[in-house]
C-alpha cells in the first residue's frame, strides 16, 4: 500500500490485491484486546465505575465493528479485475481504521505475553501464538503507512 495523493479531504493509496486481502483478513480479528484489560484504576476497586467503563467500551467496539463491516462491503470490488486498485480514505476513516488496527496489534502483543523485544517474541512463538505474531506485524505495517500518510509522508 502506497500513498498516491494526500489532501485535506482524502488520502488516496494504491493497494495490490494481496494487500487488500491481507488488510481485510486482519480486520476480521477486531476486537482483540480482552474486555477485562482496561481498568479504571489499578489501586482502587470501584465496581460501578468499572462497569460503566466496560459498557462504554463495549458500545464503542460494537460501533467500530459495524463500521469495519460496512467499509469492507463498500470496497469489496476493489482490485477485483486489476492487480492494483485505488483506496481513498477520508480523515475520519483513517482515524477509526488506526484505532481498529491498534486494537489488533496490542491485542496480539498481549496474546503473545507482552514480550519486550525480539528475543521474547521468538520465545513466545508456538502453534497457538504464531497467528498473533503475524497479526501484530501486519497491523503494524498498515498503521505505519497510514501514520506516515497523515504526517505528510515523513
Foldseek 3Di string as FASTA:
>chain_A
DAWDDDDQFKTKDKDFPVLLVLLLVLLVPPQQADLVPDDPDPPDDDPVVSVVVSVVVVVVSVVLNVVSVVVCVVCVCANVPHRMGMDMDGPVRLVSLLVRLVSLLVSLCVVLVVDDDDVSSVVSDDPVNPVSVVSNVSSVVVNVNSVCSVVVND
